[in-house]
């Protein structure tokens, strides 16, 4: 069963490449924020899978919840900052 969790984690890590591209090359700030948020969400699931592999789900669930909360607060703070600055939908190029 550990191999299923391992391959699922590797596949999930591979799927993080697409939001990483959007976060680095996104034409607008919104695209970049969505890419970073998608990477953070996938990281939470990856932490749970690591906990399942090491048979320490209780510890990794706590870490994943803290990481999810920090990711959510960071996206809210960034969106509020760009909304007040009126630069949320401006093109960067």
C-alpha atoms as a PDB file:
ATOM      1  CA  UNK A   1       0.000   0.000   0.000  1.00  0.00           C
ATOM      2  CA  UNK A   2       2.955   2.300   0.568  1.00  0.00           C
ATOM      3  CA  UNK A   3       3.832   2.112  -3.110  1.00  0.00           C
ATOM      4  CA  UNK A   4       0.364   3.467  -4.009  1.00  0.00           C
ATOM      5  CA  UNK A   5       0.922   6.456  -1.731  1.00  0.00           C
ATOM      6  CA  UNK A   6       4.441   6.927  -3.088  1.00  0.00           C
ATOM      7  CA  UNK A   7       3.345   6.903  -6.727  1.00  0.00           C
ATOM      8  CA  UNK A   8       0.400   9.162  -5.926  1.00  0.00           C
ATOM      9  CA  UNK A   9       2.787  11.612  -4.289  1.00  0.00           C
ATOM     10  CA  UNK A  10       5.144  11.511  -7.267  1.00  0.00           C
ATOM     11  CA  UNK A  11       2.251  12.080  -9.661  1.00  0.00           C
ATOM     12  CA  UNK A  12       1.026  14.983  -7.545  1.00  0.00           C
ATOM     13  CA  UNK A  13       4.517  16.479  -7.484  1.00  0.00           C
ATOM     14  CA  UNK A  14       4.602  16.170 -11.286  1.00  0.00           C
ATOM     15  CA  UNK A  15       1.253  17.949 -11.507  1.00  0.00           C
ATOM     16  CA  UNK A  16       2.750  20.878  -9.587  1.00  0.00           C
ATOM     17  CA  UNK A  17       4.761  21.796 -12.687  1.00  0.00           C
ATOM     18  CA  UNK A  18       1.735  23.295 -14.452  1.00  0.00           C
ATOM     19  CA  UNK A  19       0.767  25.783 -11.714  1.00  0.00           C
ATOM     20  CA  UNK A  20       4.456  26.591 -11.289  1.00  0.00           C
ATOM     21  CA  UNK A  21       4.594  27.629 -14.930  1.00  0.00           C
ATOM     22  CA  UNK A  22       1.478  29.773 -14.414  1.00  0.00           C
ATOM     23  CA  UNK A  23       2.970  31.340 -11.284  1.00  0.00           C
ATOM     24  CA  UNK A  24       6.231  32.206 -13.027  1.00  0.00           C
ATOM     25  CA  UNK A  25       4.997  33.187 -16.475  1.00  0.00           C
ATOM     26  CA  UNK A  26       1.449  34.366 -15.769  1.00  0.00           C
ATOM     27  CA  UNK A  27       0.605  37.510 -17.674  1.00  0.00           C
ATOM     28  CA  UNK A  28      -1.376  39.065 -14.811  1.00  0.00           C
ATOM     29  CA  UNK A  29      -1.066  39.186 -11.051  1.00  0.00           C
ATOM     30  CA  UNK A  30      -4.247  37.129 -10.693  1.00  0.00           C
ATOM     31  CA  UNK A  31      -2.720  34.294 -12.741  1.00  0.00           C
ATOM     32  CA  UNK A  32       0.360  34.324 -10.557  1.00  0.00           C
ATOM     33  CA  UNK A  33      -1.673  34.292  -7.342  1.00  0.00           C
ATOM     34  CA  UNK A  34      -3.820  31.404  -8.588  1.00  0.00           C
ATOM     35  CA  UNK A  35      -0.697  29.458  -9.528  1.00  0.00           C
ATOM     36  CA  UNK A  36       0.838  29.948  -6.090  1.00  0.00           C
ATOM     37  CA  UNK A  37      -2.454  29.025  -4.409  1.00  0.00           C
ATOM     38  CA  UNK A  38      -2.737  25.836  -6.488  1.00  0.00           C
ATOM     39  CA  UNK A  39       0.799  24.848  -5.533  1.00  0.00           C
ATOM     40  CA  UNK A  40      -0.027  25.446  -1.864  1.00  0.00           C
ATOM     41  CA  UNK A  41      -3.168  23.326  -2.082  1.00  0.00           C
ATOM     42  CA  UNK A  42      -1.309  20.459  -3.716  1.00  0.00           C
ATOM     43  CA  UNK A  43       1.405  20.731  -1.073  1.00  0.00           C
ATOM     44  CA  UNK A  44      -1.176  20.164   1.661  1.00  0.00           C
ATOM     45  CA  UNK A  45      -2.281  16.914   0.013  1.00  0.00           C
ATOM     46  CA  UNK A  46       1.350  15.934  -0.511  1.00  0.00           C
ATOM     47  CA  UNK A  47       2.041  16.417   3.205  1.00  0.00           C
ATOM     48  CA  UNK A  48      -0.855  14.094   4.048  1.00  0.00           C
ATOM     49  CA  UNK A  49       0.508  11.473   1.634  1.00  0.00           C
ATOM     50  CA  UNK A  50       3.952  11.748   3.254  1.00  0.00           C
ATOM     51  CA  UNK A  51       2.279  11.177   6.619  1.00  0.00           C
ATOM     52  CA  UNK A  52       0.611   8.053   5.258  1.00  0.00           C
ATOM     53  CA  UNK A  53       3.922   6.742   3.916  1.00  0.00           C
ATOM     54  CA  UNK A  54       5.737   7.256   7.243  1.00  0.00           C
ATOM     55  CA  UNK A  55       2.748   6.057   9.342  1.00  0.00           C
ATOM     56  CA  UNK A  56       2.662   9.398  11.204  1.00  0.00           C
ATOM     57  CA  UNK A  57      -0.572  10.844   9.856  1.00  0.00           C
ATOM     58  CA  UNK A  58      -1.375  12.660  13.102  1.00  0.00           C
ATOM     59  CA  UNK A  59       1.778  14.766  12.979  1.00  0.00           C
ATOM     60  CA  UNK A  60       1.573  15.522   9.261  1.00  0.00           C
ATOM     61  CA  UNK A  61      -2.099  16.477   9.453  1.00  0.00           C
ATOM     62  CA  UNK A  62      -1.190  19.174  11.969  1.00  0.00           C
ATOM     63  CA  UNK A  63       1.599  20.422   9.721  1.00  0.00           C
ATOM     64  CA  UNK A  64      -0.691  20.361   6.673  1.00  0.00           C
ATOM     65  CA  UNK A  65      -3.418  22.313   8.481  1.00  0.00           C
ATOM     66  CA  UNK A  66      -0.945  24.964   9.591  1.00  0.00           C
ATOM     67  CA  UNK A  67       0.451  25.205   6.063  1.00  0.00           C
ATOM     68  CA  UNK A  68      -3.044  25.492   4.577  1.00  0.00           C
ATOM     69  CA  UNK A  69      -3.930  28.268   7.003  1.00  0.00           C
ATOM     70  CA  UNK A  70      -0.738  30.172   6.176  1.00  0.00           C
ATOM     71  CA  UNK A  71      -1.375  29.728   2.452  1.00  0.00           C
ATOM     72  CA  UNK A  72      -4.926  31.031   2.794  1.00  0.00           C
ATOM     73  CA  UNK A  73      -3.869  34.055   4.853  1.00  0.00           C
ATOM     74  CA  UNK A  74      -1.049  34.872   2.417  1.00  0.00           C
ATOM     75  CA  UNK A  75      -3.417  34.803  -0.573  1.00  0.00           C
ATOM     76  CA  UNK A  76      -5.920  36.989   1.265  1.00  0.00           C
ATOM     77  CA  UNK A  77      -3.226  39.475   2.230  1.00  0.00           C
ATOM     78  CA  UNK A  78      -1.808  39.620  -1.290  1.00  0.00           C
ATOM     79  CA  UNK A  79      -5.218  40.051  -2.887  1.00  0.00           C
ATOM     80  CA  UNK A  80      -6.120  42.804  -0.425  1.00  0.00           C
ATOM     81  CA  UNK A  81      -2.819  44.563  -1.099  1.00  0.00           C
ATOM     82  CA  UNK A  82      -3.251  44.450  -4.873  1.00  0.00           C
ATOM     83  CA  UNK A  83      -6.897  45.456  -4.606  1.00  0.00           C
ATOM     84  CA  UNK A  84      -6.001  48.565  -2.603  1.00  0.00           C
ATOM     85  CA  UNK A  85      -3.171  49.335  -4.980  1.00  0.00           C
ATOM     86  CA  UNK A  86      -5.567  48.959  -7.945  1.00  0.00           C
ATOM     87  CA  UNK A  87      -3.032  46.803  -9.749  1.00  0.00           C
ATOM     88  CA  UNK A  88      -4.748  43.454  -9.587  1.00  0.00           C
ATOM     89  CA  UNK A  89      -5.726  43.225 -13.238  1.00  0.00           C
ATOM     90  CA  UNK A  90      -2.880  45.204 -14.805  1.00  0.00           C
ATOM     91  CA  UNK A  91      -0.658  43.551 -17.353  1.00  0.00           C
ATOM     92  CA  UNK A  92       2.924  43.119 -16.241  1.00  0.00           C
ATOM     93  CA  UNK A  93       4.412  42.999 -19.729  1.00  0.00           C
END
